[in-house]
Structure formats: structure tokens, C-alpha cells
Amino acid sequence: MNNEAETMPSMKDSDTKKNETIQKENGNMPKKENFFGETLKFIVISLIIVVPFRYFIAQPFIVSGASMDPTFEDGEYLIVDQLSYHFEEPARGDVIIFKYPKDPSKYFIKRVIGLPNETVIINGESVSITETDGKTVLLNEPYVANNINISFEKKLNADEYFVMGDNRPASSDSRIWGPLPKENIIGRPLLRLLPVTRINLFPGVSQESSKK
């Protein structure tokens, strides 16, 4: 009888072990809850940071087509600055990304040629601008590798821009579908990420100069 008493666990010992097991299991629960809570918190914080950045500050675009050759080639991956034009106006020579006026679900990339209230005059391969003060200047366009001979003239209204592709024969632009409303402008290229051989900051920036 004594041996049995010594080898068999008492009810008290058994209850103690059960309690210990329960305490250990219960002790793990807060850790699991903390893990899921921290994960959820991380996701929420990430969304708060990433989503506004993605839609209001910068977002990626892929160049499609040859209208901006050789400045931008088909398939290049760009990060577009969507913030700057909230604080400054697009300038002549800027490369911009915008919603196509005839179909806002499509995005185009072109270069700004004419500014609001100016008159754009194309004579053969030369582009002249009559500025708001009445002065006419002939543009120097070193970024144009391929040109086309046409005669064209367009007076812009307030909040309208005249845009063209650097590859003039292959570009659908303001010569065809008219001026670009300011409200359609999304931003400008901030960074070219791909291809890696052409990575650079502010791609397409030109030291465009004009001469009388």
C-alpha cells in the first residue's frame, strides 16, 4: 500500500500539473494575439504611408510606343513625380505624363512646346512661339531626332498646353487632337529605373533654349 501511495500521483499533484498546463497554454495566447495585432498594425500603417504616396506623390509608369524616341524607348520603366506641379507650372521643354483628352483612361508621355495663351507656329521642321507679350521666338529643339514637314498654327487658351513627341513622325499629339487641358497633367518623370543601362534622375530634361 505504501508503494502504491509512493508511485501513483496524488489527485492534488495531478490537478497541479493540469493547472500548470493550462497556465502555459493561456500564457501563449497573449503572444499570438500580440503577433496578429502587430501584423495588422503594420499593414494599416503601411497602407497609410504607401497608398497616399502611390496616388498623390509618385507612381510607376511604363513607356509604350516610339513617340518619344530616342529620349524614351518602348518598355522603359519610369517613376513619375506627381507632386511638383501642385506648386509650380509646367515649363516649356518639360516632359510630362498626362491623361489623353480623348480617352482619360489612357496615359501619354510628351514634351511641352506651347504654354497657356501662346501661339504655336510650325513651318516645315521649325517651331516658333508667339509669347504672351507678342514676341516671337524660334525654338531650338536638340531632343528631336526625327522631324516632319508640316504647316500648322494654333492659339492656346488659358490653362491649355501644346505638347508633341520627340519622334515627330510617330507621335499622336496636339497637332492631331488639339491642346492639352492643364487638369489632365499627372506629373513628370522623376526616375528611369529600367533598363538598368539607362538609369538616371529626371530623364528627358533638356536645356531647351530659344533664339530670336
N, C-alpha and C. Protein backbone atom coordinates (compact mmCIF):
# COMPACT_ATOMS: atom_id res chain seq x y z
N MET A 1 0.82 -1.20 0.00
CA MET A 1 0.00 0.00 0.00
C MET A 1 0.86 1.25 0.00
N ASN A 2 1.93 1.18 0.79
CA ASN A 2 2.80 2.34 0.81
C ASN A 2 3.44 2.58 -0.53
N ASN A 3 3.83 1.40 -1.21
CA ASN A 3 4.45 1.55 -2.53
C ASN A 3 3.49 2.19 -3.51
N GLU A 4 2.23 1.75 -3.45
CA GLU A 4 1.24 2.35 -4.36
C GLU A 4 1.14 3.84 -4.09
N ALA A 5 1.13 4.19 -2.83
CA ALA A 5 0.98 5.60 -2.49
C ALA A 5 2.17 6.39 -3.00
N GLU A 6 3.34 5.77 -3.05
CA GLU A 6 4.52 6.49 -3.48
C GLU A 6 4.59 6.60 -5.00
N THR A 7 4.13 5.60 -5.78
CA THR A 7 4.28 5.61 -7.23
C THR A 7 3.13 6.28 -7.94
N MET A 8 1.95 6.29 -7.39
CA MET A 8 0.81 6.90 -8.06
C MET A 8 0.71 8.36 -7.70
N PRO A 9 0.55 9.24 -8.66
CA PRO A 9 0.42 10.67 -8.37
C PRO A 9 -0.85 10.95 -7.63
N SER A 10 -0.75 11.82 -6.67
CA SER A 10 -1.94 12.18 -5.91
C SER A 10 -2.84 13.03 -6.77
N MET A 11 -4.10 13.13 -6.41
CA MET A 11 -5.07 13.97 -7.11
C MET A 11 -4.62 15.42 -7.07
N LYS A 12 -4.00 15.77 -5.96
CA LYS A 12 -3.54 17.14 -5.83
C LYS A 12 -2.42 17.43 -6.82
N ASP A 13 -1.47 16.44 -6.93
CA ASP A 13 -0.38 16.61 -7.90
C ASP A 13 -0.91 16.67 -9.31
N SER A 14 -1.92 15.82 -9.62
CA SER A 14 -2.50 15.80 -10.97
C SER A 14 -3.15 17.12 -11.30
N ASP A 15 -3.90 17.66 -10.33
CA ASP A 15 -4.56 18.95 -10.56
C ASP A 15 -3.54 20.05 -10.76
N THR A 16 -2.45 19.95 -10.02
CA THR A 16 -1.40 20.97 -10.15
C THR A 16 -0.80 20.95 -11.54
N LYS A 17 -0.53 19.74 -12.09
CA LYS A 17 0.02 19.62 -13.43
C LYS A 17 -0.94 20.12 -14.49
N LYS A 18 -2.24 19.79 -14.29
CA LYS A 18 -3.24 20.29 -15.23
C LYS A 18 -3.27 21.81 -15.21
N ASN A 19 -3.21 22.36 -14.00
CA ASN A 19 -3.22 23.81 -13.86
C ASN A 19 -1.99 24.43 -14.51
N GLU A 20 -0.84 23.74 -14.34
CA GLU A 20 0.37 24.24 -14.95
C GLU A 20 0.25 24.24 -16.46
N THR A 21 -0.34 23.13 -17.00
CA THR A 21 -0.52 23.04 -18.45
C THR A 21 -1.45 24.12 -18.94
N ILE A 22 -2.53 24.35 -18.25
CA ILE A 22 -3.48 25.39 -18.64
C ILE A 22 -2.83 26.76 -18.58
N GLN A 23 -2.04 26.99 -17.55
CA GLN A 23 -1.39 28.28 -17.41
C GLN A 23 -0.41 28.52 -18.56
N LYS A 24 0.29 27.48 -18.97
CA LYS A 24 1.23 27.61 -20.07
C LYS A 24 0.50 27.91 -21.38
N GLU A 25 -0.60 27.19 -21.59
CA GLU A 25 -1.37 27.42 -22.81
C GLU A 25 -1.94 28.83 -22.81
N ASN A 26 -2.49 29.21 -21.65
CA ASN A 26 -3.05 30.56 -21.56
C ASN A 26 -1.96 31.62 -21.69
N GLY A 27 -0.77 31.27 -21.23
CA GLY A 27 0.34 32.21 -21.32
C GLY A 27 0.75 32.45 -22.75
N ASN A 28 0.51 31.48 -23.66
CA ASN A 28 0.85 31.65 -25.06
C ASN A 28 -0.15 32.50 -25.81
N MET A 29 -1.38 32.54 -25.34
CA MET A 29 -2.44 33.25 -26.07
C MET A 29 -2.13 34.73 -26.28
N PRO A 30 -1.69 35.45 -25.27
CA PRO A 30 -1.37 36.86 -25.48
C PRO A 30 -0.31 37.05 -26.55
N LYS A 31 0.68 36.11 -26.64
CA LYS A 31 1.72 36.22 -27.65
C LYS A 31 1.11 36.11 -29.05
N LYS A 32 0.18 35.16 -29.24
CA LYS A 32 -0.47 35.01 -30.54
C LYS A 32 -1.29 36.24 -30.87
N GLU A 33 -2.01 36.71 -29.86
CA GLU A 33 -2.82 37.90 -30.08
C GLU A 33 -1.94 39.10 -30.40
N ASN A 34 -0.79 39.22 -29.72
CA ASN A 34 0.14 40.31 -29.99
C ASN A 34 0.70 40.22 -31.40
N PHE A 35 0.99 38.98 -31.84
CA PHE A 35 1.55 38.78 -33.18
C PHE A 35 0.57 39.26 -34.24
N PHE A 36 -0.67 38.80 -34.13
CA PHE A 36 -1.67 39.20 -35.13
C PHE A 36 -1.99 40.69 -35.02
N GLY A 37 -2.00 41.20 -33.79
CA GLY A 37 -2.25 42.62 -33.60
C GLY A 37 -1.16 43.48 -34.22
N GLU A 38 0.10 43.07 -33.99
CA GLU A 38 1.22 43.82 -34.55
C GLU A 38 1.24 43.73 -36.07
N THR A 39 0.90 42.54 -36.60
CA THR A 39 0.84 42.37 -38.05
C THR A 39 -0.21 43.28 -38.67
N LEU A 40 -1.39 43.30 -38.06
CA LEU A 40 -2.47 44.15 -38.55
C LEU A 40 -2.07 45.62 -38.47
N LYS A 41 -1.42 45.98 -37.37
CA LYS A 41 -0.98 47.37 -37.19
C LYS A 41 0.03 47.74 -38.27
N PHE A 42 0.95 46.82 -38.58
CA PHE A 42 1.96 47.06 -39.61
C PHE A 42 1.30 47.27 -40.97
N ILE A 43 0.30 46.43 -41.28
CA ILE A 43 -0.40 46.54 -42.57
C ILE A 43 -1.11 47.87 -42.68
N VAL A 44 -1.80 48.25 -41.61
CA VAL A 44 -2.54 49.52 -41.62
C VAL A 44 -1.60 50.70 -41.80
N ILE A 45 -0.49 50.71 -41.06
CA ILE A 45 0.49 51.80 -41.16
C ILE A 45 1.09 51.85 -42.56
N SER A 46 1.38 50.67 -43.11
CA SER A 46 1.94 50.61 -44.47
C SER A 46 0.98 51.20 -45.48
N LEU A 47 -0.30 50.86 -45.34
CA LEU A 47 -1.30 51.39 -46.26
C LEU A 47 -1.43 52.90 -46.13
N ILE A 48 -1.36 53.38 -44.88
CA ILE A 48 -1.48 54.82 -44.65
C ILE A 48 -0.33 55.57 -45.31
N ILE A 49 0.85 54.95 -45.33
CA ILE A 49 2.02 55.59 -45.92
C ILE A 49 2.09 55.37 -47.43
N VAL A 50 1.92 54.11 -47.87
CA VAL A 50 2.13 53.75 -49.27
C VAL A 50 1.04 54.26 -50.19
N VAL A 51 -0.22 54.11 -49.78
CA VAL A 51 -1.32 54.48 -50.68
C VAL A 51 -1.30 55.96 -51.05
N PRO A 52 -1.19 56.89 -50.08
CA PRO A 52 -1.10 58.30 -50.47
C PRO A 52 0.13 58.59 -51.31
N PHE A 53 1.26 57.94 -50.97
CA PHE A 53 2.48 58.14 -51.76
C PHE A 53 2.26 57.67 -53.19
N ARG A 54 1.62 56.53 -53.33
CA ARG A 54 1.40 55.93 -54.65
C ARG A 54 0.48 56.78 -55.52
N TYR A 55 -0.56 57.35 -54.93
CA TYR A 55 -1.55 58.06 -55.73
C TYR A 55 -1.36 59.57 -55.77
N PHE A 56 -0.61 60.14 -54.83
CA PHE A 56 -0.51 61.60 -54.79
C PHE A 56 0.91 62.13 -54.96
N ILE A 57 1.91 61.30 -54.74
CA ILE A 57 3.28 61.80 -54.79
C ILE A 57 4.05 61.20 -55.97
N ALA A 58 4.12 59.90 -56.08
CA ALA A 58 4.86 59.28 -57.17
C ALA A 58 4.27 57.90 -57.47
N GLN A 59 4.30 57.55 -58.74
CA GLN A 59 3.83 56.22 -59.13
C GLN A 59 4.55 55.76 -60.38
N PRO A 60 4.59 54.45 -60.62
CA PRO A 60 5.33 53.92 -61.78
C PRO A 60 4.51 53.95 -63.06
N PHE A 61 5.19 54.16 -64.17
CA PHE A 61 4.59 54.08 -65.49
C PHE A 61 5.57 53.36 -66.42
N ILE A 62 5.02 52.69 -67.41
CA ILE A 62 5.84 52.03 -68.43
C ILE A 62 5.59 52.70 -69.77
N VAL A 63 6.67 53.10 -70.43
CA VAL A 63 6.56 53.75 -71.74
C VAL A 63 6.08 52.74 -72.77
N SER A 64 5.10 53.16 -73.56
CA SER A 64 4.57 52.28 -74.61
C SER A 64 4.60 53.03 -75.94
N GLY A 65 5.32 52.50 -76.90
CA GLY A 65 5.38 53.14 -78.22
C GLY A 65 6.68 53.88 -78.46
N ALA A 66 6.78 54.46 -79.66
CA ALA A 66 8.03 55.09 -80.10
C ALA A 66 7.91 56.59 -80.25
N SER A 67 6.85 57.21 -79.73
CA SER A 67 6.63 58.63 -79.97
C SER A 67 7.66 59.54 -79.32
N MET A 68 8.38 59.02 -78.31
CA MET A 68 9.38 59.84 -77.63
C MET A 68 10.81 59.37 -77.89
N ASP A 69 11.00 58.48 -78.86
CA ASP A 69 12.35 58.06 -79.24
C ASP A 69 13.15 59.27 -79.72
N PRO A 70 14.44 59.33 -79.41
CA PRO A 70 15.23 58.38 -78.62
C PRO A 70 15.29 58.72 -77.13
N THR A 71 14.57 59.78 -76.72
CA THR A 71 14.62 60.21 -75.32
C THR A 71 14.09 59.13 -74.39
N PHE A 72 12.94 58.54 -74.76
CA PHE A 72 12.34 57.44 -74.02
C PHE A 72 12.01 56.33 -75.01
N GLU A 73 12.39 55.12 -74.67
CA GLU A 73 12.17 53.98 -75.55
C GLU A 73 11.04 53.10 -75.03
N ASP A 74 10.46 52.35 -75.92
CA ASP A 74 9.36 51.46 -75.58
C ASP A 74 9.77 50.49 -74.47
N GLY A 75 8.92 50.37 -73.44
CA GLY A 75 9.16 49.42 -72.37
C GLY A 75 9.95 49.97 -71.20
N GLU A 76 10.40 51.21 -71.26
CA GLU A 76 11.15 51.77 -70.15
C GLU A 76 10.24 52.00 -68.94
N TYR A 77 10.81 51.78 -67.77
CA TYR A 77 10.06 51.86 -66.51
C TYR A 77 10.41 53.17 -65.80
N LEU A 78 9.40 54.00 -65.58
CA LEU A 78 9.61 55.32 -65.00
C LEU A 78 8.88 55.48 -63.67
N ILE A 79 9.48 56.25 -62.76
CA ILE A 79 8.79 56.72 -61.56
C ILE A 79 8.43 58.17 -61.81
N VAL A 80 7.15 58.49 -61.69
CA VAL A 80 6.66 59.81 -62.06
C VAL A 80 6.34 60.65 -60.83
N ASP A 81 6.89 61.85 -60.83
CA ASP A 81 6.66 62.84 -59.77
C ASP A 81 5.30 63.49 -60.01
N GLN A 82 4.35 63.26 -59.08
CA GLN A 82 3.01 63.82 -59.22
C GLN A 82 2.79 65.05 -58.33
N LEU A 83 3.83 65.44 -57.60
CA LEU A 83 3.67 66.49 -56.60
C LEU A 83 4.09 67.88 -57.08
N SER A 84 5.15 67.95 -57.85
CA SER A 84 5.76 69.24 -58.18
C SER A 84 4.80 70.22 -58.85
N TYR A 85 3.96 69.73 -59.75
CA TYR A 85 3.08 70.64 -60.48
C TYR A 85 1.92 71.17 -59.66
N HIS A 86 1.86 70.75 -58.39
CA HIS A 86 0.91 71.38 -57.48
C HIS A 86 1.48 72.69 -56.94
N PHE A 87 2.80 72.88 -57.13
CA PHE A 87 3.47 74.06 -56.59
C PHE A 87 4.11 74.94 -57.67
N GLU A 88 4.24 74.41 -58.87
CA GLU A 88 4.81 75.17 -59.97
C GLU A 88 4.13 74.77 -61.28
N GLU A 89 4.23 75.63 -62.27
CA GLU A 89 3.59 75.37 -63.56
C GLU A 89 4.54 74.59 -64.47
N PRO A 90 4.01 73.74 -65.34
CA PRO A 90 4.86 73.09 -66.34
C PRO A 90 5.57 74.13 -67.20
N ALA A 91 6.82 73.88 -67.51
CA ALA A 91 7.61 74.81 -68.30
C ALA A 91 7.83 74.26 -69.71
N ARG A 92 8.14 75.16 -70.62
CA ARG A 92 8.45 74.72 -71.97
C ARG A 92 9.67 73.80 -71.94
N GLY A 93 9.57 72.69 -72.63
CA GLY A 93 10.65 71.71 -72.65
C GLY A 93 10.48 70.58 -71.65
N ASP A 94 9.56 70.74 -70.68
CA ASP A 94 9.30 69.66 -69.72
C ASP A 94 8.69 68.46 -70.42
N VAL A 95 9.12 67.27 -70.01
CA VAL A 95 8.44 66.04 -70.43
C VAL A 95 7.38 65.75 -69.36
N ILE A 96 6.16 65.49 -69.81
CA ILE A 96 5.07 65.28 -68.86
C ILE A 96 4.29 64.00 -69.18
N ILE A 97 3.66 63.46 -68.16
CA ILE A 97 2.72 62.34 -68.31
C ILE A 97 1.33 62.91 -68.04
N PHE A 98 0.37 62.56 -68.89
CA PHE A 98 -0.97 63.13 -68.75
C PHE A 98 -2.03 62.15 -69.23
N LYS A 99 -3.26 62.46 -68.86
CA LYS A 99 -4.40 61.68 -69.33
C LYS A 99 -4.78 62.17 -70.73
N TYR A 100 -4.88 61.24 -71.66
CA TYR A 100 -5.24 61.56 -73.04
C TYR A 100 -6.62 62.21 -73.05
N PRO A 101 -6.73 63.44 -73.56
CA PRO A 101 -8.01 64.15 -73.51
C PRO A 101 -9.19 63.42 -74.17
N LYS A 102 -8.89 62.63 -75.20
CA LYS A 102 -9.97 61.92 -75.90
C LYS A 102 -10.39 60.64 -75.20
N ASP A 103 -9.53 60.16 -74.29
CA ASP A 103 -9.82 58.95 -73.51
C ASP A 103 -8.98 58.98 -72.24
N PRO A 104 -9.51 59.56 -71.15
CA PRO A 104 -8.75 59.74 -69.91
C PRO A 104 -8.27 58.45 -69.25
N SER A 105 -8.73 57.30 -69.74
CA SER A 105 -8.24 56.04 -69.18
C SER A 105 -6.84 55.71 -69.71
N LYS A 106 -6.40 56.44 -70.74
CA LYS A 106 -5.07 56.22 -71.33
C LYS A 106 -4.13 57.33 -70.90
N TYR A 107 -2.85 56.96 -70.75
CA TYR A 107 -1.83 57.92 -70.34
C TYR A 107 -0.80 58.09 -71.44
N PHE A 108 -0.45 59.35 -71.73
CA PHE A 108 0.53 59.67 -72.76
C PHE A 108 1.74 60.34 -72.12
N ILE A 109 2.86 60.27 -72.82
CA ILE A 109 4.07 61.00 -72.43
C ILE A 109 4.51 61.84 -73.62
N LYS A 110 4.64 63.16 -73.40
CA LYS A 110 5.03 64.09 -74.47
C LYS A 110 5.86 65.22 -73.85
N ARG A 111 6.30 66.13 -74.72
CA ARG A 111 7.08 67.29 -74.27
C ARG A 111 6.25 68.57 -74.45
N VAL A 112 6.33 69.45 -73.46
CA VAL A 112 5.61 70.72 -73.53
C VAL A 112 6.31 71.66 -74.52
N ILE A 113 5.53 72.16 -75.49
CA ILE A 113 6.06 73.06 -76.50
C ILE A 113 5.46 74.46 -76.33
N GLY A 114 4.14 74.53 -76.20
CA GLY A 114 3.46 75.80 -76.07
C GLY A 114 2.79 75.94 -74.70
N LEU A 115 2.83 77.16 -74.15
CA LEU A 115 2.25 77.45 -72.84
C LEU A 115 0.93 78.20 -72.98
N PRO A 116 0.14 78.27 -71.92
CA PRO A 116 -1.16 78.95 -71.98
C PRO A 116 -1.07 80.36 -72.58
N ASN A 117 -2.03 80.66 -73.46
CA ASN A 117 -2.18 81.97 -74.11
C ASN A 117 -1.11 82.27 -75.16
N GLU A 118 -0.28 81.30 -75.49
CA GLU A 118 0.71 81.47 -76.55
C GLU A 118 0.14 80.97 -77.88
N THR A 119 0.85 81.29 -78.96
CA THR A 119 0.50 80.78 -80.28
C THR A 119 1.66 79.94 -80.80
N VAL A 120 1.36 78.71 -81.20
CA VAL A 120 2.36 77.80 -81.74
C VAL A 120 2.31 77.84 -83.26
N ILE A 121 3.44 78.06 -83.89
CA ILE A 121 3.51 78.13 -85.36
C ILE A 121 4.54 77.12 -85.84
N ILE A 122 4.12 76.18 -86.66
CA ILE A 122 5.02 75.18 -87.23
C ILE A 122 5.14 75.44 -88.73
N ASN A 123 6.36 75.64 -89.17
CA ASN A 123 6.63 75.92 -90.59
C ASN A 123 7.72 74.97 -91.06
N GLY A 124 7.32 73.92 -91.76
CA GLY A 124 8.27 72.89 -92.15
C GLY A 124 8.70 72.10 -90.92
N GLU A 125 10.00 72.13 -90.61
CA GLU A 125 10.51 71.44 -89.43
C GLU A 125 10.79 72.41 -88.28
N SER A 126 10.50 73.69 -88.49
CA SER A 126 10.77 74.71 -87.47
C SER A 126 9.53 75.01 -86.65
N VAL A 127 9.73 75.24 -85.35
CA VAL A 127 8.63 75.58 -84.46
C VAL A 127 8.91 76.96 -83.85
N SER A 128 7.94 77.86 -84.02
CA SER A 128 8.05 79.20 -83.44
C SER A 128 6.93 79.40 -82.43
N ILE A 129 7.19 80.23 -81.44
CA ILE A 129 6.20 80.53 -80.41
C ILE A 129 6.00 82.05 -80.34
N THR A 130 4.75 82.47 -80.44
CA THR A 130 4.43 83.86 -80.15
C THR A 130 3.99 83.91 -78.70
N GLU A 131 4.82 84.54 -77.87
CA GLU A 131 4.58 84.57 -76.44
C GLU A 131 3.50 85.59 -76.08
N THR A 132 3.12 85.60 -74.82
CA THR A 132 2.01 86.46 -74.39
C THR A 132 2.32 87.96 -74.53
N ASP A 133 3.62 88.31 -74.61
CA ASP A 133 3.99 89.71 -74.78
C ASP A 133 4.09 90.11 -76.25
N GLY A 134 3.73 89.15 -77.14
CA GLY A 134 3.76 89.44 -78.57
C GLY A 134 5.07 89.12 -79.25
N LYS A 135 6.09 88.76 -78.48
CA LYS A 135 7.39 88.44 -79.05
C LYS A 135 7.37 87.02 -79.63
N THR A 136 7.96 86.84 -80.81
CA THR A 136 8.01 85.53 -81.44
C THR A 136 9.42 84.98 -81.38
N VAL A 137 9.54 83.74 -80.90
CA VAL A 137 10.86 83.09 -80.79
C VAL A 137 10.86 81.78 -81.56
N LEU A 138 12.00 81.45 -82.12
CA LEU A 138 12.19 80.19 -82.82
C LEU A 138 12.83 79.20 -81.86
N LEU A 139 12.19 78.05 -81.68
CA LEU A 139 12.70 77.09 -80.70
C LEU A 139 13.89 76.31 -81.22
N ASN A 140 14.84 76.11 -80.33
CA ASN A 140 15.95 75.20 -80.58
C ASN A 140 15.60 73.89 -79.90
N GLU A 141 15.46 72.80 -80.67
CA GLU A 141 14.98 71.53 -80.13
C GLU A 141 16.01 70.42 -80.35
N PRO A 142 17.02 70.36 -79.53
CA PRO A 142 18.07 69.33 -79.70
C PRO A 142 17.58 67.92 -79.43
N TYR A 143 16.44 67.79 -78.77
CA TYR A 143 15.90 66.47 -78.42
C TYR A 143 15.16 65.81 -79.58
N VAL A 144 14.91 66.55 -80.67
CA VAL A 144 14.17 65.98 -81.81
C VAL A 144 15.16 65.32 -82.76
N ALA A 145 15.05 63.99 -82.91
CA ALA A 145 15.92 63.24 -83.82
C ALA A 145 15.26 63.04 -85.18
N ASN A 146 13.94 62.90 -85.18
CA ASN A 146 13.18 62.70 -86.42
C ASN A 146 12.09 63.76 -86.51
N ASN A 147 12.03 64.45 -87.66
CA ASN A 147 11.06 65.52 -87.82
C ASN A 147 10.21 65.29 -89.05
N ILE A 148 9.27 66.20 -89.28
CA ILE A 148 8.36 66.08 -90.42
C ILE A 148 7.99 67.48 -90.88
N ASN A 149 7.82 67.66 -92.16
CA ASN A 149 7.48 68.96 -92.72
C ASN A 149 5.97 69.17 -92.73
N ILE A 150 5.50 70.14 -91.96
CA ILE A 150 4.08 70.49 -91.97
C ILE A 150 3.94 72.00 -91.77
N SER A 151 2.76 72.51 -92.07
CA SER A 151 2.42 73.89 -91.75
C SER A 151 1.25 73.87 -90.79
N PHE A 152 1.42 74.60 -89.67
CA PHE A 152 0.41 74.49 -88.61
C PHE A 152 0.47 75.73 -87.73
N GLU A 153 -0.69 76.17 -87.25
CA GLU A 153 -0.73 77.27 -86.30
C GLU A 153 -1.88 77.07 -85.34
N LYS A 154 -1.62 77.32 -84.05
CA LYS A 154 -2.65 77.13 -83.03
C LYS A 154 -2.49 78.14 -81.91
N LYS A 155 -3.57 78.87 -81.61
CA LYS A 155 -3.61 79.79 -80.48
C LYS A 155 -4.15 79.04 -79.27
N LEU A 156 -3.43 79.10 -78.16
CA LEU A 156 -3.84 78.39 -76.94
C LEU A 156 -4.65 79.30 -76.03
N ASN A 157 -5.61 78.70 -75.34
CA ASN A 157 -6.39 79.42 -74.34
C ASN A 157 -5.70 79.31 -72.98
N ALA A 158 -6.24 79.99 -72.00
CA ALA A 158 -5.72 79.88 -70.63
C ALA A 158 -5.88 78.43 -70.16
N ASP A 159 -4.88 77.93 -69.44
CA ASP A 159 -4.89 76.55 -68.93
C ASP A 159 -4.84 75.51 -70.04
N GLU A 160 -4.26 75.86 -71.19
CA GLU A 160 -4.05 74.88 -72.26
C GLU A 160 -2.57 74.84 -72.61
N TYR A 161 -2.09 73.62 -72.92
CA TYR A 161 -0.70 73.42 -73.31
C TYR A 161 -0.65 72.72 -74.66
N PHE A 162 0.42 73.01 -75.40
CA PHE A 162 0.64 72.33 -76.68
C PHE A 162 1.80 71.37 -76.48
N VAL A 163 1.56 70.09 -76.73
CA VAL A 163 2.57 69.06 -76.49
C VAL A 163 2.85 68.28 -77.77
N MET A 164 4.10 67.84 -77.90
CA MET A 164 4.48 66.99 -79.03
C MET A 164 5.48 65.94 -78.57
N GLY A 165 5.54 64.84 -79.32
CA GLY A 165 6.54 63.81 -79.06
C GLY A 165 7.86 64.19 -79.70
N ASP A 166 8.96 63.68 -79.14
CA ASP A 166 10.28 63.97 -79.70
C ASP A 166 10.47 63.29 -81.06
N ASN A 167 9.78 62.20 -81.27
CA ASN A 167 9.82 61.50 -82.55
C ASN A 167 8.60 61.96 -83.36
N ARG A 168 8.70 63.11 -83.99
CA ARG A 168 7.56 63.79 -84.57
C ARG A 168 6.75 62.95 -85.58
N PRO A 169 7.38 62.19 -86.48
CA PRO A 169 6.58 61.41 -87.44
C PRO A 169 5.73 60.31 -86.79
N ALA A 170 6.14 59.85 -85.60
CA ALA A 170 5.47 58.71 -84.97
C ALA A 170 4.61 59.12 -83.78
N SER A 171 4.37 60.43 -83.61
CA SER A 171 3.68 60.90 -82.41
C SER A 171 2.27 61.40 -82.68
N SER A 172 1.33 60.91 -81.87
CA SER A 172 -0.04 61.45 -81.84
C SER A 172 -0.06 62.48 -80.72
N ASP A 173 -0.21 63.75 -81.09
CA ASP A 173 -0.08 64.81 -80.09
C ASP A 173 -0.99 65.98 -80.41
N SER A 174 -0.65 67.16 -79.89
CA SER A 174 -1.53 68.33 -80.05
C SER A 174 -1.72 68.76 -81.50
N ARG A 175 -0.85 68.35 -82.39
CA ARG A 175 -1.05 68.63 -83.81
C ARG A 175 -2.27 67.91 -84.36
N ILE A 176 -2.61 66.79 -83.71
CA ILE A 176 -3.69 65.93 -84.20
C ILE A 176 -4.97 66.10 -83.39
N TRP A 177 -4.84 66.00 -82.05
CA TRP A 177 -6.05 66.02 -81.22
C TRP A 177 -6.24 67.31 -80.42
N GLY A 178 -5.36 68.29 -80.64
CA GLY A 178 -5.58 69.60 -80.05
C GLY A 178 -4.82 69.86 -78.76
N PRO A 179 -5.06 71.01 -78.15
CA PRO A 179 -4.35 71.39 -76.92
C PRO A 179 -4.67 70.45 -75.75
N LEU A 180 -3.73 70.42 -74.80
CA LEU A 180 -3.88 69.61 -73.60
C LEU A 180 -4.38 70.47 -72.45
N PRO A 181 -5.54 70.14 -71.86
CA PRO A 181 -6.00 70.89 -70.68
C PRO A 181 -5.06 70.66 -69.49
N LYS A 182 -4.82 71.69 -68.73
CA LYS A 182 -3.94 71.59 -67.58
C LYS A 182 -4.40 70.51 -66.61
N GLU A 183 -5.70 70.37 -66.44
CA GLU A 183 -6.25 69.41 -65.46
C GLU A 183 -5.91 67.97 -65.80
N ASN A 184 -5.48 67.70 -67.03
CA ASN A 184 -5.15 66.34 -67.44
C ASN A 184 -3.71 65.95 -67.10
N ILE A 185 -2.91 66.92 -66.70
CA ILE A 185 -1.49 66.64 -66.43
C ILE A 185 -1.33 65.88 -65.11
N ILE A 186 -0.60 64.78 -65.17
CA ILE A 186 -0.35 63.93 -64.00
C ILE A 186 0.96 64.32 -63.31
N GLY A 187 2.02 64.45 -64.07
CA GLY A 187 3.32 64.76 -63.47
C GLY A 187 4.43 64.67 -64.49
N ARG A 188 5.65 64.55 -63.99
CA ARG A 188 6.83 64.49 -64.85
C ARG A 188 7.72 63.33 -64.41
N PRO A 189 8.51 62.76 -65.33
CA PRO A 189 9.40 61.66 -64.95
C PRO A 189 10.43 62.10 -63.92
N LEU A 190 10.49 61.36 -62.85
CA LEU A 190 11.46 61.64 -61.78
C LEU A 190 12.68 60.74 -61.90
N LEU A 191 12.42 59.47 -62.25
CA LEU A 191 13.49 58.48 -62.28
C LEU A 191 13.21 57.43 -63.34
N ARG A 192 14.25 57.11 -64.13
CA ARG A 192 14.15 55.99 -65.07
C ARG A 192 14.84 54.80 -64.40
N LEU A 193 14.06 53.75 -64.10
CA LEU A 193 14.60 52.58 -63.40
C LEU A 193 15.07 51.48 -64.33
N LEU A 194 14.36 51.29 -65.42
CA LEU A 194 14.70 50.24 -66.39
C LEU A 194 14.66 50.82 -67.80
N PRO A 195 15.58 50.34 -68.65
CA PRO A 195 16.61 49.32 -68.39
C PRO A 195 17.74 49.86 -67.52
N VAL A 196 18.45 48.96 -66.87
CA VAL A 196 19.48 49.36 -65.92
C VAL A 196 20.59 50.16 -66.60
N THR A 197 20.78 49.95 -67.89
CA THR A 197 21.84 50.67 -68.61
C THR A 197 21.48 52.14 -68.83
N ARG A 198 20.20 52.49 -68.60
CA ARG A 198 19.77 53.87 -68.82
C ARG A 198 19.19 54.52 -67.56
N ILE A 199 19.51 53.95 -66.39
CA ILE A 199 19.01 54.52 -65.13
C ILE A 199 19.52 55.96 -64.99
N ASN A 200 18.60 56.88 -64.72
CA ASN A 200 19.01 58.25 -64.43
C ASN A 200 17.89 59.03 -63.77
N LEU A 201 18.28 60.13 -63.15
CA LEU A 201 17.35 61.00 -62.45
C LEU A 201 16.88 62.11 -63.39
N PHE A 202 15.61 62.45 -63.32
CA PHE A 202 14.99 63.46 -64.18
C PHE A 202 15.29 63.19 -65.66
N PRO A 203 14.93 62.02 -66.16
CA PRO A 203 15.17 61.72 -67.58
C PRO A 203 14.35 62.63 -68.47
N GLY A 204 14.93 62.99 -69.60
CA GLY A 204 14.21 63.81 -70.57
C GLY A 204 14.37 65.30 -70.37
N VAL A 205 15.05 65.72 -69.28
CA VAL A 205 15.25 67.16 -69.05
C VAL A 205 16.17 67.70 -70.13
N SER A 206 15.75 68.77 -70.76
CA SER A 206 16.52 69.38 -71.83
C SER A 206 16.82 70.83 -71.51
N GLN A 207 18.01 71.25 -71.82
CA GLN A 207 18.37 72.65 -71.65
C GLN A 207 17.89 73.38 -72.91
N GLU A 208 16.56 73.34 -73.08
CA GLU A 208 15.96 73.94 -74.27
C GLU A 208 16.19 75.45 -74.25
N SER A 209 16.76 75.92 -75.33
CA SER A 209 16.97 77.36 -75.46
C SER A 209 16.23 77.86 -76.67
N SER A 210 15.91 79.13 -76.69
CA SER A 210 15.21 79.71 -77.84
C SER A 210 16.02 80.89 -78.35
N LYS A 211 15.85 81.12 -79.65
CA LYS A 211 16.57 82.24 -80.26
C LYS A 211 15.61 83.07 -81.07
N LYS A 212 15.88 84.34 -81.20
CA LYS A 212 15.04 85.23 -81.97
C LYS A 212 15.28 85.00 -83.45
